Amino acid sequence: MTELKLPRIGFGTWQLKPKDCVESVLKAIEVGYRFIDTAQMYRNEHAVGEAISQGTINRNELIIATKLAIWRLRPGSVLSSTKKSLERLKLDYIDILYIHWPAPFFYRPKKTLKAMSQLVDEGKIKYIAVSNFTPKLLDEAIAACDKPLIANQVEHHPWLQQKEMREYLKQHDMYLVAYSPIGRGKILNQSPELKQVAEKHKCSEAQVSLAWIMQHGAVPIPKSKNADHIRDNFESMNLTLDAADIELIDSIQTKMQKRFVSPPIVHPW
């Protein structure tokens, strides 16, 4: 695995409006999250930066990730938009810079990744990663980049189990970072398997989903603006599912593969 050691769980910020984002990130850091995820397209990088600057944690204890907007994948835009992200985040460097989507017309593997590699050489970013890539696109990107790719961020939860992707990334020493790890809340109270395991362990179904992801080796990045949910999600690290629990949740694979995030044009599947 890469020299970067990700925490077992991170904090996502998708759809958090700026005011909520500042408060939520501050709460997340207070609870114990040390891996914070944002994106140029979320329009809340400045709020994440404000929370980091207000917090009491040293910068080097945090892992901050952002993503290039789909229209910022040409070399000049990679460089200029990352500079603006750094300004909004109030940071000297970004730990992980992702390609958000392998968008047609903008993403050119060699050119895009060469510009990202330049940012590593300049010390503006530490690591290169991708998001929403298929195994075929990963093969292409790995071949095109002179730096290691450390992660692929994809939708991943018990209703979208990503078995093939998990195996691919394991073989390539890359992290799977799981967005929408509780299916945007839509899998809660909808799955008898999750309910059964939650009742057995006297915990929330959200914790079950997150613990299942972690025990399969992925890093979930749940988002919430509710302080109780932020803490509850973090405490999923204390839940250990037994083999029977894992087998039961794995069995959902045979019944359903539900993707909640699949925007037209840019999605590659």
Protein backbone atom coordinates (compact mmCIF):
# COMPACT_ATOMS: atom_id res chain seq x y z
CA MET A 1 0.00 0.00 0.00
CA THR A 2 1.05 3.57 -0.59
CA GLU A 3 3.05 5.36 2.09
CA LEU A 4 -0.02 7.50 2.79
CA LYS A 5 -1.94 5.94 5.67
CA LEU A 6 -5.60 6.89 5.49
CA PRO A 7 -7.77 6.75 8.61
CA ARG A 8 -10.40 4.02 8.58
CA ILE A 9 -13.15 6.62 8.09
CA GLY A 10 -13.32 10.12 6.66
CA PHE A 11 -15.81 12.98 6.51
CA GLY A 12 -17.57 13.96 3.30
CA THR A 13 -18.97 17.41 2.46
CA TRP A 14 -21.03 16.89 -0.72
CA GLN A 15 -24.15 19.10 -0.76
CA LEU A 16 -23.20 20.88 2.46
CA LYS A 17 -23.93 24.57 2.10
CA PRO A 18 -21.11 26.85 3.29
CA LYS A 19 -22.48 27.72 6.76
CA ASP A 20 -23.48 24.13 7.47
CA CYS A 21 -20.15 22.97 6.07
CA VAL A 22 -18.08 25.09 8.45
CA GLU A 23 -20.04 23.90 11.47
CA SER A 24 -20.09 20.27 10.34
CA VAL A 25 -16.36 20.08 9.59
CA LEU A 26 -15.56 21.71 12.93
CA LYS A 27 -17.77 19.14 14.67
CA ALA A 28 -16.22 16.30 12.70
CA ILE A 29 -12.71 17.37 13.69
CA GLU A 30 -13.84 17.71 17.30
CA VAL A 31 -15.29 14.18 17.24
CA GLY A 32 -12.06 12.77 15.81
CA TYR A 33 -12.23 12.74 12.01
CA ARG A 34 -8.87 13.53 10.44
CA PHE A 35 -9.65 12.90 6.75
CA ILE A 36 -11.84 15.59 5.14
CA ASP A 37 -13.14 15.36 1.57
CA THR A 38 -14.39 18.21 -0.61
CA ALA A 39 -14.37 19.17 -4.32
CA GLN A 40 -14.28 22.19 -6.58
CA MET A 41 -17.77 21.28 -7.78
CA TYR A 42 -19.17 21.26 -4.22
CA ARG A 43 -18.61 25.04 -3.96
CA ASN A 44 -17.67 24.72 -0.31
CA GLU A 45 -13.86 24.52 -0.36
CA HIS A 46 -13.74 27.95 1.28
CA ALA A 47 -15.97 26.67 4.09
CA VAL A 48 -13.73 23.65 4.64
CA GLY A 49 -10.77 26.03 4.72
CA GLU A 50 -12.51 28.24 7.25
CA ALA A 51 -13.21 25.25 9.50
CA ILE A 52 -9.60 24.09 9.28
CA SER A 53 -8.34 27.57 10.16
CA GLN A 54 -10.73 27.80 13.13
CA GLY A 55 -9.90 24.33 14.42
CA THR A 56 -7.33 23.46 17.04
CA ILE A 57 -5.76 20.54 15.16
CA ASN A 58 -2.34 20.95 13.56
CA ARG A 59 -2.42 20.92 9.76
CA ASN A 60 -0.09 17.93 9.58
CA GLU A 61 -2.60 15.84 11.52
CA LEU A 62 -5.25 16.32 8.83
CA ILE A 63 -5.61 14.73 5.41
CA ILE A 64 -7.46 17.11 3.09
CA ALA A 65 -8.73 15.94 -0.28
CA THR A 66 -10.36 17.86 -3.10
CA LYS A 67 -11.32 17.09 -6.69
CA LEU A 68 -10.84 18.78 -10.02
CA ALA A 69 -14.09 19.92 -11.62
CA ILE A 70 -14.98 18.06 -14.81
CA TRP A 71 -14.23 21.14 -16.94
CA ARG A 72 -10.85 21.70 -15.21
CA LEU A 73 -9.01 18.67 -16.60
CA ARG A 74 -6.96 20.28 -19.34
CA PRO A 75 -3.37 20.97 -18.24
CA GLY A 76 -3.62 24.74 -17.82
CA SER A 77 -6.89 24.41 -15.92
CA VAL A 78 -5.48 21.67 -13.69
CA LEU A 79 -2.71 24.03 -12.59
CA SER A 80 -4.76 27.22 -12.27
CA SER A 81 -7.79 25.67 -10.58
CA THR A 82 -5.63 23.84 -8.03
CA LYS A 83 -4.00 27.15 -7.14
CA LYS A 84 -7.47 28.58 -6.53
CA SER A 85 -8.44 25.53 -4.46
CA LEU A 86 -5.38 26.09 -2.29
CA GLU A 87 -6.41 29.72 -1.78
CA ARG A 88 -9.99 28.76 -0.87
CA LEU A 89 -8.79 26.02 1.48
CA LYS A 90 -6.19 28.39 3.00
CA LEU A 91 -3.57 25.66 2.63
CA ASP A 92 0.01 25.44 1.41
CA TYR A 93 -0.63 21.97 0.01
CA ILE A 94 -3.47 19.52 -0.63
CA ASP A 95 -2.95 15.94 0.50
CA ILE A 96 -5.00 14.24 -2.23
CA LEU A 97 -6.13 15.72 -5.55
CA TYR A 98 -8.69 13.63 -7.45
CA ILE A 99 -9.96 13.68 -11.00
CA HIS A 100 -13.65 13.96 -10.08
CA TRP A 101 -15.08 12.34 -13.22
CA PRO A 102 -13.33 11.07 -16.37
CA ALA A 103 -15.39 13.54 -18.38
CA PRO A 104 -15.40 13.27 -22.19
CA PHE A 105 -13.90 16.24 -24.05
CA PHE A 106 -11.91 17.39 -20.98
CA TYR A 107 -10.10 14.35 -19.58
CA ARG A 108 -6.99 13.35 -21.54
CA PRO A 109 -5.07 10.75 -19.52
CA LYS A 110 -1.50 11.70 -20.41
CA LYS A 111 -2.01 15.46 -20.41
CA THR A 112 -4.27 15.64 -17.35
CA LEU A 113 -2.11 13.34 -15.25
CA LYS A 114 1.13 14.99 -16.37
CA ALA A 115 -0.18 18.31 -15.04
CA MET A 116 -1.16 16.64 -11.75
CA SER A 117 2.31 15.08 -11.55
CA GLN A 118 3.78 18.56 -11.98
CA LEU A 119 1.74 19.71 -8.97
CA VAL A 120 3.29 16.89 -6.91
CA ASP A 121 6.77 17.95 -8.03
CA GLU A 122 5.98 21.54 -7.04
CA GLY A 123 4.78 20.47 -3.59
CA LYS A 124 1.26 21.81 -4.14
CA ILE A 125 -0.29 18.36 -3.78
CA LYS A 126 1.00 15.21 -2.11
CA TYR A 127 -0.87 12.45 -3.93
CA ILE A 128 -2.86 11.85 -7.11
CA ALA A 129 -6.14 9.95 -7.11
CA VAL A 130 -9.17 9.41 -9.30
CA SER A 131 -12.91 9.10 -8.77
CA ASN A 132 -15.64 7.26 -10.65
CA PHE A 133 -13.15 5.31 -12.77
CA THR A 134 -13.77 1.80 -14.11
CA PRO A 135 -11.04 -0.87 -14.12
CA LYS A 136 -10.41 -0.15 -17.81
CA LEU A 137 -9.98 3.59 -17.14
CA LEU A 138 -7.74 2.80 -14.16
CA ASP A 139 -5.49 0.66 -16.36
CA GLU A 140 -5.20 3.55 -18.78
CA ALA A 141 -4.51 6.12 -16.05
CA ILE A 142 -1.91 3.98 -14.28
CA ALA A 143 -0.07 3.54 -17.57
CA ALA A 144 -0.23 7.28 -18.31
CA CYS A 145 0.95 8.61 -14.94
CA ASP A 146 4.56 8.70 -13.72
CA LYS A 147 3.36 8.85 -10.10
CA PRO A 148 1.36 6.20 -8.24
CA LEU A 149 -2.41 6.62 -8.11
CA ILE A 150 -3.37 6.09 -4.49
CA ALA A 151 -7.17 5.79 -4.59
CA ASN A 152 -10.34 5.49 -6.59
CA GLN A 153 -13.35 7.13 -4.95
CA VAL A 154 -16.59 5.43 -5.94
CA GLU A 155 -20.11 4.97 -4.67
CA HIS A 156 -20.05 1.97 -2.35
CA HIS A 157 -22.58 0.60 0.14
CA PRO A 158 -24.39 -2.70 0.81
CA TRP A 159 -26.68 -2.11 -2.16
CA LEU A 160 -23.72 -1.41 -4.47
CA GLN A 161 -21.03 -3.79 -3.30
CA GLN A 162 -18.28 -3.07 -5.84
CA LYS A 163 -16.78 -6.54 -5.50
CA GLU A 164 -14.82 -6.33 -8.77
CA MET A 165 -13.53 -2.85 -7.94
CA ARG A 166 -12.51 -3.86 -4.42
CA GLU A 167 -10.47 -6.73 -5.83
CA TYR A 168 -8.91 -4.58 -8.56
CA LEU A 169 -7.78 -1.90 -6.12
CA LYS A 170 -6.44 -4.46 -3.67
CA GLN A 171 -4.31 -5.97 -6.43
CA HIS A 172 -2.99 -2.51 -7.36
CA ASP A 173 -2.29 -1.34 -3.78
CA MET A 174 -4.86 1.44 -4.03
CA TYR A 175 -7.50 2.58 -1.58
CA LEU A 176 -11.19 2.38 -2.30
CA VAL A 177 -12.71 5.53 -0.81
CA ALA A 178 -16.46 5.00 -0.51
CA TYR A 179 -18.83 7.90 -1.12
CA SER A 180 -22.54 7.64 -0.33
CA PRO A 181 -21.61 4.82 2.09
CA ILE A 182 -25.12 4.63 3.50
CA GLY A 183 -26.74 5.05 0.09
CA ARG A 184 -27.59 8.72 0.72
CA GLY A 185 -29.74 7.42 3.59
CA LYS A 186 -32.02 5.56 1.20
CA ILE A 187 -30.95 2.09 2.28
CA LEU A 188 -31.78 2.77 5.94
CA ASN A 189 -35.05 1.18 7.11
CA GLN A 190 -35.23 -0.50 3.70
CA SER A 191 -33.00 -3.51 4.24
CA PRO A 192 -34.01 -6.39 6.53
CA GLU A 193 -30.40 -7.56 6.56
CA LEU A 194 -29.09 -4.28 7.94
CA LYS A 195 -31.95 -4.12 10.43
CA GLN A 196 -31.23 -7.63 11.68
CA VAL A 197 -27.54 -6.92 12.25
CA ALA A 198 -28.26 -3.54 13.86
CA GLU A 199 -30.70 -5.11 16.30
CA LYS A 200 -28.20 -7.85 17.12
CA HIS A 201 -25.47 -5.33 17.98
CA LYS A 202 -27.81 -2.67 19.42
CA CYS A 203 -26.53 -0.02 17.04
CA SER A 204 -27.75 2.02 14.09
CA GLU A 205 -28.14 0.66 10.58
CA ALA A 206 -25.79 3.42 9.41
CA GLN A 207 -23.09 2.04 11.69
CA VAL A 208 -23.64 -1.44 10.28
CA SER A 209 -23.24 -0.19 6.70
CA LEU A 210 -20.08 1.75 7.56
CA ALA A 211 -18.55 -1.10 9.56
CA TRP A 212 -19.27 -3.52 6.69
CA ILE A 213 -17.44 -1.20 4.27
CA MET A 214 -14.45 -0.86 6.60
CA GLN A 215 -14.21 -4.61 7.22
CA HIS A 216 -14.02 -5.08 3.45
CA GLY A 217 -10.99 -2.77 3.44
CA ALA A 218 -12.53 0.42 2.06
CA VAL A 219 -12.62 3.89 3.63
CA PRO A 220 -16.13 5.37 3.92
CA ILE A 221 -16.61 9.15 3.91
CA PRO A 222 -20.13 9.72 5.28
CA LYS A 223 -21.56 13.23 5.24
CA SER A 224 -23.93 14.79 7.74
CA LYS A 225 -24.78 18.19 9.19
CA ASN A 226 -26.42 16.55 12.22
CA ALA A 227 -24.02 16.46 15.18
CA ASP A 228 -25.48 13.20 16.53
CA HIS A 229 -25.13 11.51 13.15
CA ILE A 230 -21.56 12.80 12.75
CA ARG A 231 -20.65 11.17 16.06
CA ASP A 232 -22.68 8.01 15.41
CA ASN A 233 -20.96 7.51 12.04
CA PHE A 234 -17.52 7.98 13.59
CA GLU A 235 -18.27 5.46 16.32
CA SER A 236 -18.93 2.80 13.66
CA MET A 237 -15.18 2.12 14.00
CA ASN A 238 -15.97 0.50 17.35
CA LEU A 239 -18.36 -2.00 15.77
CA THR A 240 -16.92 -5.36 14.76
CA LEU A 241 -19.15 -7.51 12.59
CA ASP A 242 -18.74 -11.27 12.83
CA ALA A 243 -18.53 -13.66 9.89
CA ALA A 244 -22.27 -14.34 9.96
CA ASP A 245 -23.02 -10.59 9.81
CA ILE A 246 -20.69 -10.11 6.85
CA GLU A 247 -22.15 -13.10 5.04
CA LEU A 248 -25.69 -11.84 5.55
CA ILE A 249 -24.90 -8.36 4.22
CA ASP A 250 -22.85 -9.81 1.37
CA SER A 251 -25.94 -11.80 0.37
CA ILE A 252 -27.66 -8.55 -0.64
CA GLN A 253 -25.32 -8.69 -3.66
CA THR A 254 -27.46 -11.38 -5.25
CA LYS A 255 -30.64 -9.31 -4.98
CA MET A 256 -29.71 -5.78 -5.83
CA GLN A 257 -27.09 -3.44 -7.24
CA LYS A 258 -28.51 0.04 -6.80
CA ARG A 259 -26.53 3.10 -7.86
CA PHE A 260 -27.81 6.44 -6.52
CA VAL A 261 -25.24 8.68 -8.26
CA SER A 262 -25.11 8.31 -12.05
CA PRO A 263 -25.13 11.66 -13.86
CA PRO A 264 -25.61 11.51 -17.61
CA ILE A 265 -22.76 12.04 -20.09
CA VAL A 266 -19.91 12.01 -17.55
CA HIS A 267 -20.47 8.59 -16.01
CA PRO A 268 -18.28 5.88 -17.58
CA TRP A 269 -20.30 2.75 -16.77
